[in-house]
Amino acid sequence: QVQLVESGGGLVQPGGSLRLSCVVSFGFTLDYYSLGWFRQAPGKEREGVSCISSSDGNTYYADSVKGRFTISRDNAKNTVYLQMNSLKPEDTAVYYCATDPLSPSLFSWSSWDYWGQGTQVTVSS
């Protein structure tokens, strides 16, 4: 059984930072799994934020977060992180982590197999 648990969300002022963590438990290491972060704001469709591909090890980012967010992984801890800097009110959303043994596109969230339950990020003064 695959289990993903996100943490690190909260309320932050514009310009502030947060680091999200996601621990993945499924009896295997993350070495050969793609890892992604997605978000969903109220009334909007879920969108890809960033991912690390299992096929080439490269990282990908949505244009809206490039230069501000950084994804990283610690395979020894089965954990993926999302460092978020220079946060804006439009970053407010529930953030989800996901994993998949293949390399689905960051822009096709429904192609990812396993999901966490999400953590709320609110950027407001």
PDB file of N, CA and C in Angstrom:
ATOM      1  N   GLN A   1       0.850  -1.184   0.000  1.00  0.00           N
ATOM      2  CA  GLN A   1       0.000   0.000   0.000  1.00  0.00           C
ATOM      3  C   GLN A   1       0.893   1.243   0.000  1.00  0.00           C
ATOM      4  N   VAL A   2       0.592   2.161  -0.882  1.00  0.00           N
ATOM      5  CA  VAL A   2       1.364   3.384  -1.004  1.00  0.00           C
ATOM      6  C   VAL A   2       0.728   4.467  -0.145  1.00  0.00           C
ATOM      7  N   GLN A   3       1.558   5.136   0.624  1.00  0.00           N
ATOM      8  CA  GLN A   3       1.064   6.220   1.466  1.00  0.00           C
ATOM      9  C   GLN A   3       1.983   7.418   1.317  1.00  0.00           C
ATOM     10  N   LEU A   4       1.385   8.583   1.067  1.00  0.00           N
ATOM     11  CA  LEU A   4       2.118   9.831   0.971  1.00  0.00           C
ATOM     12  C   LEU A   4       1.542  10.800   1.997  1.00  0.00           C
ATOM     13  N   VAL A   5       2.418  11.401   2.789  1.00  0.00           N
ATOM     14  CA  VAL A   5       1.977  12.317   3.832  1.00  0.00           C
ATOM     15  C   VAL A   5       2.738  13.624   3.695  1.00  0.00           C
ATOM     16  N   GLU A   6       1.989  14.698   3.394  1.00  0.00           N
ATOM     17  CA  GLU A   6       2.576  16.021   3.257  1.00  0.00           C
ATOM     18  C   GLU A   6       2.562  16.752   4.597  1.00  0.00           C
ATOM     19  N   SER A   7       3.511  17.661   4.740  1.00  0.00           N
ATOM     20  CA  SER A   7       3.540  18.535   5.911  1.00  0.00           C
ATOM     21  C   SER A   7       4.256  19.827   5.533  1.00  0.00           C
ATOM     22  N   GLY A   8       4.149  20.824   6.408  1.00  0.00           N
ATOM     23  CA  GLY A   8       4.883  22.066   6.204  1.00  0.00           C
ATOM     24  C   GLY A   8       4.057  23.232   5.723  1.00  0.00           C
ATOM     25  N   GLY A   9       2.781  22.994   5.436  1.00  0.00           N
ATOM     26  CA  GLY A   9       1.943  24.102   5.007  1.00  0.00           C
ATOM     27  C   GLY A   9       1.628  25.041   6.159  1.00  0.00           C
ATOM     28  N   GLY A  10       0.995  26.175   5.823  1.00  0.00           N
ATOM     29  CA  GLY A  10       0.634  27.135   6.854  1.00  0.00           C
ATOM     30  C   GLY A  10       0.319  28.481   6.268  1.00  0.00           C
ATOM     31  N   LEU A  11       0.242  29.459   7.150  1.00  0.00           N
ATOM     32  CA  LEU A  11      -0.029  30.842   6.761  1.00  0.00           C
ATOM     33  C   LEU A  11       1.279  31.613   6.733  1.00  0.00           C
ATOM     34  N   VAL A  12       1.523  32.311   5.644  1.00  0.00           N
ATOM     35  CA  VAL A  12       2.752  33.088   5.503  1.00  0.00           C
ATOM     36  C   VAL A  12       2.431  34.401   4.812  1.00  0.00           C
ATOM     37  N   GLN A  13       3.207  35.419   5.128  1.00  0.00           N
ATOM     38  CA  GLN A  13       2.997  36.716   4.487  1.00  0.00           C
ATOM     39  C   GLN A  13       3.606  36.726   3.089  1.00  0.00           C
ATOM     40  N   PRO A  14       3.093  37.584   2.226  1.00  0.00           N
ATOM     41  CA  PRO A  14       3.711  37.708   0.890  1.00  0.00           C
ATOM     42  C   PRO A  14       5.196  38.012   1.002  1.00  0.00           C
ATOM     43  N   GLY A  15       5.970  37.337   0.164  1.00  0.00           N
ATOM     44  CA  GLY A  15       7.421  37.464   0.216  1.00  0.00           C
ATOM     45  C   GLY A  15       8.097  36.469   1.122  1.00  0.00           C
ATOM     46  N   GLY A  16       7.314  35.746   1.898  1.00  0.00           N
ATOM     47  CA  GLY A  16       7.873  34.783   2.832  1.00  0.00           C
ATOM     48  C   GLY A  16       8.194  33.445   2.180  1.00  0.00           C
ATOM     49  N   SER A  17       8.626  32.501   3.020  1.00  0.00           N
ATOM     50  CA  SER A  17       9.037  31.185   2.539  1.00  0.00           C
ATOM     51  C   SER A  17       8.392  30.071   3.355  1.00  0.00           C
ATOM     52  N   LEU A  18       8.239  28.941   2.712  1.00  0.00           N
ATOM     53  CA  LEU A  18       7.804  27.712   3.366  1.00  0.00           C
ATOM     54  C   LEU A  18       8.530  26.548   2.700  1.00  0.00           C
ATOM     55  N   ARG A  19       8.724  25.489   3.455  1.00  0.00           N
ATOM     56  CA  ARG A  19       9.246  24.254   2.877  1.00  0.00           C
ATOM     57  C   ARG A  19       8.264  23.126   3.143  1.00  0.00           C
ATOM     58  N   LEU A  20       7.750  22.566   2.087  1.00  0.00           N
ATOM     59  CA  LEU A  20       6.849  21.419   2.194  1.00  0.00           C
ATOM     60  C   LEU A  20       7.654  20.128   2.131  1.00  0.00           C
ATOM     61  N   SER A  21       7.189  19.137   2.873  1.00  0.00           N
ATOM     62  CA  SER A  21       7.800  17.814   2.864  1.00  0.00           C
ATOM     63  C   SER A  21       6.737  16.774   2.556  1.00  0.00           C
ATOM     64  N   CYS A  22       7.157  15.705   1.944  1.00  0.00           N
ATOM     65  CA  CYS A  22       6.241  14.600   1.648  1.00  0.00           C
ATOM     66  C   CYS A  22       7.001  13.295   1.849  1.00  0.00           C
ATOM     67  N   VAL A  23       6.562  12.527   2.809  1.00  0.00           N
ATOM     68  CA  VAL A  23       7.168  11.221   3.075  1.00  0.00           C
ATOM     69  C   VAL A  23       6.361  10.159   2.339  1.00  0.00           C
ATOM     70  N   VAL A  24       7.053   9.347   1.561  1.00  0.00           N
ATOM     71  CA  VAL A  24       6.408   8.311   0.767  1.00  0.00           C
ATOM     72  C   VAL A  24       6.729   6.952   1.376  1.00  0.00           C
ATOM     73  N   SER A  25       5.684   6.189   1.646  1.00  0.00           N
ATOM     74  CA  SER A  25       5.863   4.861   2.238  1.00  0.00           C
ATOM     75  C   SER A  25       5.225   3.828   1.328  1.00  0.00           C
ATOM     76  N   PHE A  26       6.046   2.919   0.802  1.00  0.00           N
ATOM     77  CA  PHE A  26       5.465   1.845  -0.003  1.00  0.00           C
ATOM     78  C   PHE A  26       6.379   0.636  -0.100  1.00  0.00           C
ATOM     79  N   GLY A  27       7.393   0.570   0.741  1.00  0.00           N
ATOM     80  CA  GLY A  27       8.225  -0.608   0.763  1.00  0.00           C
ATOM     81  C   GLY A  27       9.321  -0.621  -0.270  1.00  0.00           C
ATOM     82  N   PHE A  28       9.435   0.400  -1.057  1.00  0.00           N
ATOM     83  CA  PHE A  28      10.503   0.507  -2.045  1.00  0.00           C
ATOM     84  C   PHE A  28      11.190   1.855  -1.857  1.00  0.00           C
ATOM     85  N   THR A  29      12.358   2.001  -2.446  1.00  0.00           N
ATOM     86  CA  THR A  29      12.997   3.308  -2.408  1.00  0.00           C
ATOM     87  C   THR A  29      12.450   4.145  -3.562  1.00  0.00           C
ATOM     88  N   LEU A  30      12.691   5.437  -3.448  1.00  0.00           N
ATOM     89  CA  LEU A  30      12.155   6.353  -4.447  1.00  0.00           C
ATOM     90  C   LEU A  30      13.011   6.474  -5.702  1.00  0.00           C
ATOM     91  N   ASP A  31      14.109   5.750  -5.726  1.00  0.00           N
ATOM     92  CA  ASP A  31      15.080   5.959  -6.795  1.00  0.00           C
ATOM     93  C   ASP A  31      14.463   5.917  -8.191  1.00  0.00           C
ATOM     94  N   TYR A  32      13.495   5.020  -8.366  1.00  0.00           N
ATOM     95  CA  TYR A  32      12.988   4.810  -9.716  1.00  0.00           C
ATOM     96  C   TYR A  32      11.568   5.346  -9.904  1.00  0.00           C
ATOM     97  N   TYR A  33      11.190   6.265  -9.039  1.00  0.00           N
ATOM     98  CA  TYR A  33       9.855   6.837  -9.102  1.00  0.00           C
ATOM     99  C   TYR A  33       9.933   8.332  -9.376  1.00  0.00           C
ATOM    100  N   SER A  34       9.059   8.795 -10.231  1.00  0.00           N
ATOM    101  CA  SER A  34       8.916  10.230 -10.418  1.00  0.00           C
ATOM    102  C   SER A  34       8.170  10.805  -9.218  1.00  0.00           C
ATOM    103  N   LEU A  35       8.518  12.023  -8.874  1.00  0.00           N
ATOM    104  CA  LEU A  35       7.897  12.701  -7.738  1.00  0.00           C
ATOM    105  C   LEU A  35       7.429  14.074  -8.184  1.00  0.00           C
ATOM    106  N   GLY A  36       6.247  14.451  -7.725  1.00  0.00           N
ATOM    107  CA  GLY A  36       5.719  15.736  -8.160  1.00  0.00           C
ATOM    108  C   GLY A  36       4.966  16.462  -7.075  1.00  0.00           C
ATOM    109  N   TRP A  37       4.897  17.761  -7.245  1.00  0.00           N
ATOM    110  CA  TRP A  37       4.073  18.620  -6.404  1.00  0.00           C
ATOM    111  C   TRP A  37       3.018  19.297  -7.285  1.00  0.00           C
ATOM    112  N   PHE A  38       1.810  19.314  -6.787  1.00  0.00           N
ATOM    113  CA  PHE A  38       0.689  19.906  -7.494  1.00  0.00           C
ATOM    114  C   PHE A  38      -0.069  20.800  -6.503  1.00  0.00           C
ATOM    115  N   ARG A  39      -0.918  21.638  -7.035  1.00  0.00           N
ATOM    116  CA  ARG A  39      -1.724  22.480  -6.151  1.00  0.00           C
ATOM    117  C   ARG A  39      -3.096  22.711  -6.749  1.00  0.00           C
ATOM    118  N   GLN A  40      -4.027  23.019  -5.861  1.00  0.00           N
ATOM    119  CA  GLN A  40      -5.382  23.306  -6.298  1.00  0.00           C
ATOM    120  C   GLN A  40      -5.945  24.431  -5.450  1.00  0.00           C
ATOM    121  N   ALA A  41      -6.242  25.523  -6.119  1.00  0.00           N
ATOM    122  CA  ALA A  41      -6.856  26.662  -5.458  1.00  0.00           C
ATOM    123  C   ALA A  41      -8.371  26.518  -5.537  1.00  0.00           C
ATOM    124  N   PRO A  42      -9.116  27.177  -4.646  1.00  0.00           N
ATOM    125  CA  PRO A  42     -10.575  27.079  -4.666  1.00  0.00           C
ATOM    126  C   PRO A  42     -11.142  27.478  -6.011  1.00  0.00           C
ATOM    127  N   GLY A  43     -11.996  26.618  -6.547  1.00  0.00           N
ATOM    128  CA  GLY A  43     -12.662  26.921  -7.807  1.00  0.00           C
ATOM    129  C   GLY A  43     -11.808  26.717  -9.041  1.00  0.00           C
ATOM    130  N   LYS A  44     -10.582  26.217  -8.848  1.00  0.00           N
ATOM    131  CA  LYS A  44      -9.690  26.017  -9.986  1.00  0.00           C
ATOM    132  C   LYS A  44      -9.304  24.556 -10.115  1.00  0.00           C
ATOM    133  N   GLU A  45      -8.845  24.210 -11.306  1.00  0.00           N
ATOM    134  CA  GLU A  45      -8.396  22.848 -11.545  1.00  0.00           C
ATOM    135  C   GLU A  45      -7.023  22.625 -10.917  1.00  0.00           C
ATOM    136  N   ARG A  46      -6.765  21.390 -10.548  1.00  0.00           N
ATOM    137  CA  ARG A  46      -5.449  21.046 -10.028  1.00  0.00           C
ATOM    138  C   ARG A  46      -4.391  21.308 -11.108  1.00  0.00           C
ATOM    139  N   GLU A  47      -3.250  21.831 -10.690  1.00  0.00           N
ATOM    140  CA  GLU A  47      -2.195  22.134 -11.653  1.00  0.00           C
ATOM    141  C   GLU A  47      -0.844  21.647 -11.152  1.00  0.00           C
ATOM    142  N   GLY A  48       0.019  21.334 -12.089  1.00  0.00           N
ATOM    143  CA  GLY A  48       1.366  20.905 -11.730  1.00  0.00           C
ATOM    144  C   GLY A  48       2.224  22.074 -11.315  1.00  0.00           C
ATOM    145  N   VAL A  49       3.025  21.871 -10.288  1.00  0.00           N
ATOM    146  CA  VAL A  49       3.941  22.894  -9.796  1.00  0.00           C
ATOM    147  C   VAL A  49       5.373  22.530 -10.159  1.00  0.00           C
ATOM    148  N   SER A  50       5.760  21.311  -9.821  1.00  0.00           N
ATOM    149  CA  SER A  50       7.125  20.880 -10.081  1.00  0.00           C
ATOM    150  C   SER A  50       7.212  19.371  -9.992  1.00  0.00           C
ATOM    151  N   CYS A  51       8.168  18.787 -10.696  1.00  0.00           N
ATOM    152  CA  CYS A  51       8.362  17.346 -10.587  1.00  0.00           C
ATOM    153  C   CYS A  51       9.811  16.979 -10.879  1.00  0.00           C
ATOM    154  N   ILE A  52      10.175  15.797 -10.401  1.00  0.00           N
ATOM    155  CA  ILE A  52      11.468  15.184 -10.708  1.00  0.00           C
ATOM    156  C   ILE A  52      11.163  13.908 -11.480  1.00  0.00           C
ATOM    157  N   SER A  53      11.712  13.817 -12.660  1.00  0.00           N
ATOM    158  CA  SER A  53      11.412  12.681 -13.520  1.00  0.00           C
ATOM    159  C   SER A  53      12.264  11.472 -13.154  1.00  0.00           C
ATOM    160  N   SER A  54      11.645  10.290 -13.159  1.00  0.00           N
ATOM    161  CA  SER A  54      12.396   9.059 -12.905  1.00  0.00           C
ATOM    162  C   SER A  54      13.211   8.651 -14.126  1.00  0.00           C
ATOM    163  N   SER A  55      12.798   9.110 -15.298  1.00  0.00           N
ATOM    164  CA  SER A  55      13.460   8.653 -16.523  1.00  0.00           C
ATOM    165  C   SER A  55      14.784   9.365 -16.763  1.00  0.00           C
ATOM    166  N   ASP A  56      14.850  10.658 -16.460  1.00  0.00           N
ATOM    167  CA  ASP A  56      16.083  11.382 -16.758  1.00  0.00           C
ATOM    168  C   ASP A  56      16.642  12.137 -15.555  1.00  0.00           C
ATOM    169  N   GLY A  57      15.911  12.103 -14.428  1.00  0.00           N
ATOM    170  CA  GLY A  57      16.395  12.781 -13.223  1.00  0.00           C
ATOM    171  C   GLY A  57      16.272  14.285 -13.267  1.00  0.00           C
ATOM    172  N   ASN A  58      15.713  14.798 -14.366  1.00  0.00           N
ATOM    173  CA  ASN A  58      15.587  16.246 -14.488  1.00  0.00           C
ATOM    174  C   ASN A  58      14.415  16.774 -13.656  1.00  0.00           C
ATOM    175  N   THR A  59      14.504  18.064 -13.351  1.00  0.00           N
ATOM    176  CA  THR A  59      13.419  18.727 -12.641  1.00  0.00           C
ATOM    177  C   THR A  59      12.675  19.641 -13.601  1.00  0.00           C
ATOM    178  N   TYR A  60      11.385  19.775 -13.350  1.00  0.00           N
ATOM    179  CA  TYR A  60      10.528  20.599 -14.190  1.00  0.00           C
ATOM    180  C   TYR A  60       9.689  21.500 -13.293  1.00  0.00           C
ATOM    181  N   TYR A  61       9.415  22.699 -13.795  1.00  0.00           N
ATOM    182  CA  TYR A  61       8.651  23.673 -13.029  1.00  0.00           C
ATOM    183  C   TYR A  61       7.607  24.343 -13.912  1.00  0.00           C
ATOM    184  N   ALA A  62       6.493  24.666 -13.292  1.00  0.00           N
ATOM    185  CA  ALA A  62       5.523  25.528 -13.961  1.00  0.00           C
ATOM    186  C   ALA A  62       6.129  26.918 -14.099  1.00  0.00           C
ATOM    187  N   ASP A  63       5.784  27.615 -15.163  1.00  0.00           N
ATOM    188  CA  ASP A  63       6.337  28.951 -15.393  1.00  0.00           C
ATOM    189  C   ASP A  63       6.061  29.893 -14.221  1.00  0.00           C
ATOM    190  N   SER A  64       4.924  29.713 -13.586  1.00  0.00           N
ATOM    191  CA  SER A  64       4.514  30.618 -12.514  1.00  0.00           C
ATOM    192  C   SER A  64       5.391  30.513 -11.266  1.00  0.00           C
ATOM    193  N   VAL A  65       6.171  29.433 -11.145  1.00  0.00           N
ATOM    194  CA  VAL A  65       6.980  29.252  -9.934  1.00  0.00           C
ATOM    195  C   VAL A  65       8.480  29.186 -10.229  1.00  0.00           C
ATOM    196  N   LYS A  66       8.861  29.231 -11.478  1.00  0.00           N
ATOM    197  CA  LYS A  66      10.287  29.164 -11.833  1.00  0.00           C
ATOM    198  C   LYS A  66      11.069  30.292 -11.165  1.00  0.00           C
ATOM    199  N   GLY A  67      12.199  29.915 -10.588  1.00  0.00           N
ATOM    200  CA  GLY A  67      13.037  30.898  -9.909  1.00  0.00           C
ATOM    201  C   GLY A  67      12.640  31.152  -8.474  1.00  0.00           C
ATOM    202  N   ARG A  68      11.481  30.644  -8.052  1.00  0.00           N
ATOM    203  CA  ARG A  68      11.018  30.852  -6.675  1.00  0.00           C
ATOM    204  C   ARG A  68      10.924  29.545  -5.899  1.00  0.00           C
ATOM    205  N   PHE A  69      10.547  28.469  -6.581  1.00  0.00           N
ATOM    206  CA  PHE A  69      10.360  27.167  -5.937  1.00  0.00           C
ATOM    207  C   PHE A  69      11.479  26.219  -6.363  1.00  0.00           C
ATOM    208  N   THR A  70      11.846  25.320  -5.448  1.00  0.00           N
ATOM    209  CA  THR A  70      12.855  24.313  -5.741  1.00  0.00           C
ATOM    210  C   THR A  70      12.403  22.964  -5.203  1.00  0.00           C
ATOM    211  N   ILE A  71      12.395  21.968  -6.075  1.00  0.00           N
ATOM    212  CA  ILE A  71      12.044  20.612  -5.665  1.00  0.00           C
ATOM    213  C   ILE A  71      13.331  19.825  -5.424  1.00  0.00           C
ATOM    214  N   SER A  72      13.294  18.965  -4.423  1.00  0.00           N
ATOM    215  CA  SER A  72      14.448  18.114  -4.147  1.00  0.00           C
ATOM    216  C   SER A  72      13.947  16.816  -3.530  1.00  0.00           C
ATOM    217  N   ARG A  73      14.820  15.823  -3.513  1.00  0.00           N
ATOM    218  CA  ARG A  73      14.434  14.529  -2.964  1.00  0.00           C
ATOM    219  C   ARG A  73      15.566  13.986  -2.102  1.00  0.00           C
ATOM    220  N   ASP A  74      15.197  13.227  -1.102  1.00  0.00           N
ATOM    221  CA  ASP A  74      16.159  12.505  -0.272  1.00  0.00           C
ATOM    222  C   ASP A  74      15.717  11.049  -0.309  1.00  0.00           C
ATOM    223  N   ASN A  75      16.341  10.265  -1.169  1.00  0.00           N
ATOM    224  CA  ASN A  75      15.909   8.885  -1.342  1.00  0.00           C
ATOM    225  C   ASN A  75      16.106   8.061  -0.075  1.00  0.00           C
ATOM    226  N   ALA A  76      17.122   8.386   0.704  1.00  0.00           N
ATOM    227  CA  ALA A  76      17.367   7.640   1.938  1.00  0.00           C
ATOM    228  C   ALA A  76      16.229   7.812   2.930  1.00  0.00           C
ATOM    229  N   LYS A  77      15.565   8.962   2.849  1.00  0.00           N
ATOM    230  CA  LYS A  77      14.449   9.240   3.756  1.00  0.00           C
ATOM    231  C   LYS A  77      13.102   9.067   3.067  1.00  0.00           C
ATOM    232  N   ASN A  78      13.125   8.638   1.808  1.00  0.00           N
ATOM    233  CA  ASN A  78      11.879   8.505   1.030  1.00  0.00           C
ATOM    234  C   ASN A  78      11.050   9.782   1.110  1.00  0.00           C
ATOM    235  N   THR A  79      11.713  10.903   0.949  1.00  0.00           N
ATOM    236  CA  THR A  79      11.061  12.195   1.130  1.00  0.00           C
ATOM    237  C   THR A  79      11.347  13.113  -0.043  1.00  0.00           C
ATOM    238  N   VAL A  80      10.337  13.847  -0.443  1.00  0.00           N
ATOM    239  CA  VAL A  80      10.481  14.888  -1.458  1.00  0.00           C
ATOM    240  C   VAL A  80      10.109  16.218  -0.818  1.00  0.00           C
ATOM    241  N   TYR A  81      10.831  17.258  -1.195  1.00  0.00           N
ATOM    242  CA  TYR A  81      10.634  18.578  -0.618  1.00  0.00           C
ATOM    243  C   TYR A  81      10.249  19.588  -1.690  1.00  0.00           C
ATOM    244  N   LEU A  82       9.594  20.647  -1.249  1.00  0.00           N
ATOM    245  CA  LEU A  82       9.348  21.792  -2.122  1.00  0.00           C
ATOM    246  C   LEU A  82       9.667  23.041  -1.317  1.00  0.00           C
ATOM    247  N   GLN A  83      10.784  23.663  -1.649  1.00  0.00           N
ATOM    248  CA  GLN A  83      11.157  24.917  -1.026  1.00  0.00           C
ATOM    249  C   GLN A  83      10.494  26.047  -1.798  1.00  0.00           C
ATOM    250  N   MET A  84       9.705  26.845  -1.109  1.00  0.00           N
ATOM    251  CA  MET A  84       8.945  27.909  -1.753  1.00  0.00           C
ATOM    252  C   MET A  84       9.395  29.247  -1.177  1.00  0.00           C
ATOM    253  N   ASN A  85       9.954  30.068  -2.026  1.00  0.00           N
ATOM    254  CA  ASN A  85      10.416  31.396  -1.631  1.00  0.00           C
ATOM    255  C   ASN A  85       9.632  32.472  -2.373  1.00  0.00           C
ATOM    256  N   SER A  86       9.718  33.684  -1.874  1.00  0.00           N
ATOM    257  CA  SER A  86       9.050  34.828  -2.507  1.00  0.00           C
ATOM    258  C   SER A  86       7.586  34.518  -2.791  1.00  0.00           C
ATOM    259  N   LEU A  87       6.915  34.004  -1.806  1.00  0.00           N
ATOM    260  CA  LEU A  87       5.535  33.575  -1.994  1.00  0.00           C
ATOM    261  C   LEU A  87       4.616  34.744  -2.286  1.00  0.00           C
ATOM    262  N   LYS A  88       3.620  34.455  -3.116  1.00  0.00           N
ATOM    263  CA  LYS A  88       2.644  35.450  -3.542  1.00  0.00           C
ATOM    264  C   LYS A  88       1.247  34.995  -3.137  1.00  0.00           C
ATOM    265  N   PRO A  89       0.315  35.918  -3.003  1.00  0.00           N
ATOM    266  CA  PRO A  89      -1.061  35.507  -2.675  1.00  0.00           C
ATOM    267  C   PRO A  89      -1.630  34.488  -3.672  1.00  0.00           C
ATOM    268  N   GLU A  90      -1.232  34.568  -4.911  1.00  0.00           N
ATOM    269  CA  GLU A  90      -1.744  33.620  -5.904  1.00  0.00           C
ATOM    270  C   GLU A  90      -1.165  32.214  -5.750  1.00  0.00           C
ATOM    271  N   ASP A  91      -0.203  32.045  -4.841  1.00  0.00           N
ATOM    272  CA  ASP A  91       0.301  30.707  -4.525  1.00  0.00           C
ATOM    273  C   ASP A  91      -0.593  29.989  -3.513  1.00  0.00           C
ATOM    274  N   THR A  92      -1.575  30.686  -2.988  1.00  0.00           N
ATOM    275  CA  THR A  92      -2.488  30.083  -2.024  1.00  0.00           C
ATOM    276  C   THR A  92      -3.245  28.923  -2.648  1.00  0.00           C
ATOM    277  N   ALA A  93      -3.164  27.769  -2.017  1.00  0.00           N
ATOM    278  CA  ALA A  93      -3.798  26.556  -2.552  1.00  0.00           C
ATOM    279  C   ALA A  93      -3.544  25.405  -1.583  1.00  0.00           C
ATOM    280  N   VAL A  94      -4.211  24.302  -1.851  1.00  0.00           N
ATOM    281  CA  VAL A  94      -3.845  23.047  -1.210  1.00  0.00           C
ATOM    282  C   VAL A  94      -2.771  22.401  -2.083  1.00  0.00           C
ATOM    283  N   TYR A  95      -1.668  22.040  -1.462  1.00  0.00           N
ATOM    284  CA  TYR A  95      -0.545  21.450  -2.186  1.00  0.00           C
ATOM    285  C   TYR A  95      -0.519  19.943  -1.943  1.00  0.00           C
ATOM    286  N   TYR A  96      -0.386  19.206  -3.026  1.00  0.00           N
ATOM    287  CA  TYR A  96      -0.368  17.753  -2.992  1.00  0.00           C
ATOM    288  C   TYR A  96       0.959  17.228  -3.548  1.00  0.00           C
ATOM    289  N   CYS A  97       1.452  16.165  -2.958  1.00  0.00           N
ATOM    290  CA  CYS A  97       2.557  15.469  -3.596  1.00  0.00           C
ATOM    291  C   CYS A  97       2.026  14.193  -4.244  1.00  0.00           C
ATOM    292  N   ALA A  98       2.732  13.747  -5.237  1.00  0.00           N
ATOM    293  CA  ALA A  98       2.328  12.562  -5.985  1.00  0.00           C
ATOM    294  C   ALA A  98       3.566  11.808  -6.438  1.00  0.00           C
ATOM    295  N   THR A  99       3.376  10.518  -6.679  1.00  0.00           N
ATOM    296  CA  THR A  99       4.469   9.706  -7.193  1.00  0.00           C
ATOM    297  C   THR A  99       3.945   8.713  -8.218  1.00  0.00           C
ATOM    298  N   ASP A 100       4.831   8.272  -9.078  1.00  0.00           N
ATOM    299  CA  ASP A 100       4.446   7.353 -10.141  1.00  0.00           C
ATOM    300  C   ASP A 100       5.691   6.631 -10.623  1.00  0.00           C
ATOM    301  N   PRO A 101       5.596   5.350 -10.937  1.00  0.00           N
ATOM    302  CA  PRO A 101       6.771   4.605 -11.413  1.00  0.00           C
ATOM    303  C   PRO A 101       7.205   5.000 -12.821  1.00  0.00           C
ATOM    304  N   LEU A 102       6.343   5.675 -13.546  1.00  0.00           N
ATOM    305  CA  LEU A 102       6.693   6.126 -14.891  1.00  0.00           C
ATOM    306  C   LEU A 102       7.071   7.601 -14.828  1.00  0.00           C
ATOM    307  N   SER A 103       7.011   8.275 -15.919  1.00  0.00           N
ATOM    308  CA  SER A 103       7.374   9.696 -15.982  1.00  0.00           C
ATOM    309  C   SER A 103       6.244  10.494 -16.600  1.00  0.00           C
ATOM    310  N   PRO A 104       5.119  10.574 -15.888  1.00  0.00           N
ATOM    311  CA  PRO A 104       4.009  11.353 -16.444  1.00  0.00           C
ATOM    312  C   PRO A 104       4.355  12.828 -16.501  1.00  0.00           C
ATOM    313  N   SER A 105       3.653  13.514 -17.356  1.00  0.00           N
ATOM    314  CA  SER A 105       3.903  14.936 -17.526  1.00  0.00           C
ATOM    315  C   SER A 105       3.442  15.721 -16.299  1.00  0.00           C
ATOM    316  N   LEU A 106       4.184  16.764 -15.998  1.00  0.00           N
ATOM    317  CA  LEU A 106       3.785  17.677 -14.927  1.00  0.00           C
ATOM    318  C   LEU A 106       2.430  18.316 -15.240  1.00  0.00           C
ATOM    319  N   PHE A 107       2.113  18.404 -16.533  1.00  0.00           N
ATOM    320  CA  PHE A 107       0.902  19.102 -16.957  1.00  0.00           C
ATOM    321  C   PHE A 107      -0.266  18.152 -17.177  1.00  0.00           C
ATOM    322  N   SER A 108      -0.126  16.910 -16.717  1.00  0.00           N
ATOM    323  CA  SER A 108      -1.194  15.931 -16.825  1.00  0.00           C
ATOM    324  C   SER A 108      -1.360  15.273 -15.464  1.00  0.00           C
ATOM    325  N   TRP A 109      -1.960  16.013 -14.530  1.00  0.00           N
ATOM    326  CA  TRP A 109      -2.004  15.553 -13.147  1.00  0.00           C
ATOM    327  C   TRP A 109      -2.748  14.237 -13.015  1.00  0.00           C
ATOM    328  N   SER A 110      -3.735  13.977 -13.847  1.00  0.00           N
ATOM    329  CA  SER A 110      -4.531  12.755 -13.729  1.00  0.00           C
ATOM    330  C   SER A 110      -3.744  11.506 -14.120  1.00  0.00           C
ATOM    331  N   SER A 111      -2.557  11.697 -14.692  1.00  0.00           N
ATOM    332  CA  SER A 111      -1.731  10.553 -15.081  1.00  0.00           C
ATOM    333  C   SER A 111      -0.893  10.014 -13.929  1.00  0.00           C
ATOM    334  N   TRP A 112      -0.851  10.738 -12.831  1.00  0.00           N
ATOM    335  CA  TRP A 112      -0.066  10.310 -11.682  1.00  0.00           C
ATOM    336  C   TRP A 112      -0.888   9.365 -10.823  1.00  0.00           C
ATOM    337  N   ASP A 113      -0.267   8.268 -10.388  1.00  0.00           N
ATOM    338  CA  ASP A 113      -1.020   7.199  -9.742  1.00  0.00           C
ATOM    339  C   ASP A 113      -1.290   7.407  -8.257  1.00  0.00           C
ATOM    340  N   TYR A 114      -0.310   7.910  -7.520  1.00  0.00           N
ATOM    341  CA  TYR A 114      -0.419   7.907  -6.061  1.00  0.00           C
ATOM    342  C   TYR A 114      -0.343   9.332  -5.525  1.00  0.00           C
ATOM    343  N   TRP A 115      -1.246   9.619  -4.577  1.00  0.00           N
ATOM    344  CA  TRP A 115      -1.401  10.990  -4.081  1.00  0.00           C
ATOM    345  C   TRP A 115      -1.467  11.058  -2.564  1.00  0.00           C
ATOM    346  N   GLY A 116      -0.965  12.171  -2.035  1.00  0.00           N
ATOM    347  CA  GLY A 116      -1.179  12.476  -0.641  1.00  0.00           C
ATOM    348  C   GLY A 116      -2.503  13.200  -0.465  1.00  0.00           C
ATOM    349  N   GLN A 117      -2.802  13.556   0.780  1.00  0.00           N
ATOM    350  CA  GLN A 117      -4.084  14.204   1.074  1.00  0.00           C
ATOM    351  C   GLN A 117      -3.999  15.720   1.039  1.00  0.00           C
ATOM    352  N   GLY A 118      -2.807  16.257   0.932  1.00  0.00           N
ATOM    353  CA  GLY A 118      -2.646  17.687   0.737  1.00  0.00           C
ATOM    354  C   GLY A 118      -2.349  18.452   2.015  1.00  0.00           C
ATOM    355  N   THR A 119      -1.727  19.611   1.822  1.00  0.00           N
ATOM    356  CA  THR A 119      -1.457  20.526   2.923  1.00  0.00           C
ATOM    357  C   THR A 119      -1.776  21.939   2.449  1.00  0.00           C
ATOM    358  N   GLN A 120      -2.435  22.696   3.308  1.00  0.00           N
ATOM    359  CA  GLN A 120      -2.899  24.027   2.920  1.00  0.00           C
ATOM    360  C   GLN A 120      -1.757  25.035   3.031  1.00  0.00           C
ATOM    361  N   VAL A 121      -1.598  25.832   1.991  1.00  0.00           N
ATOM    362  CA  VAL A 121      -0.671  26.969   2.001  1.00  0.00           C
ATOM    363  C   VAL A 121      -1.492  28.231   1.751  1.00  0.00           C
ATOM    364  N   THR A 122      -1.399  29.172   2.665  1.00  0.00           N
ATOM    365  CA  THR A 122      -2.115  30.435   2.535  1.00  0.00           C
ATOM    366  C   THR A 122      -1.113  31.574   2.607  1.00  0.00           C
ATOM    367  N   VAL A 123      -1.113  32.399   1.570  1.00  0.00           N
ATOM    368  CA  VAL A 123      -0.213  33.548   1.513  1.00  0.00           C
ATOM    369  C   VAL A 123      -1.066  34.807   1.623  1.00  0.00           C
ATOM    370  N   SER A 124      -0.938  35.479   2.741  1.00  0.00           N
ATOM    371  CA  SER A 124      -1.793  36.634   3.003  1.00  0.00           C
ATOM    372  C   SER A 124      -1.165  37.524   4.056  1.00  0.00           C
ATOM    373  N   SER A 125      -1.423  38.816   3.923  1.00  0.00           N
ATOM    374  CA  SER A 125      -0.941  39.749   4.927  1.00  0.00           C
ATOM    375  C   SER A 125      -2.013  39.998   5.987  1.00  0.00           C
TER     376      SER A 125
END
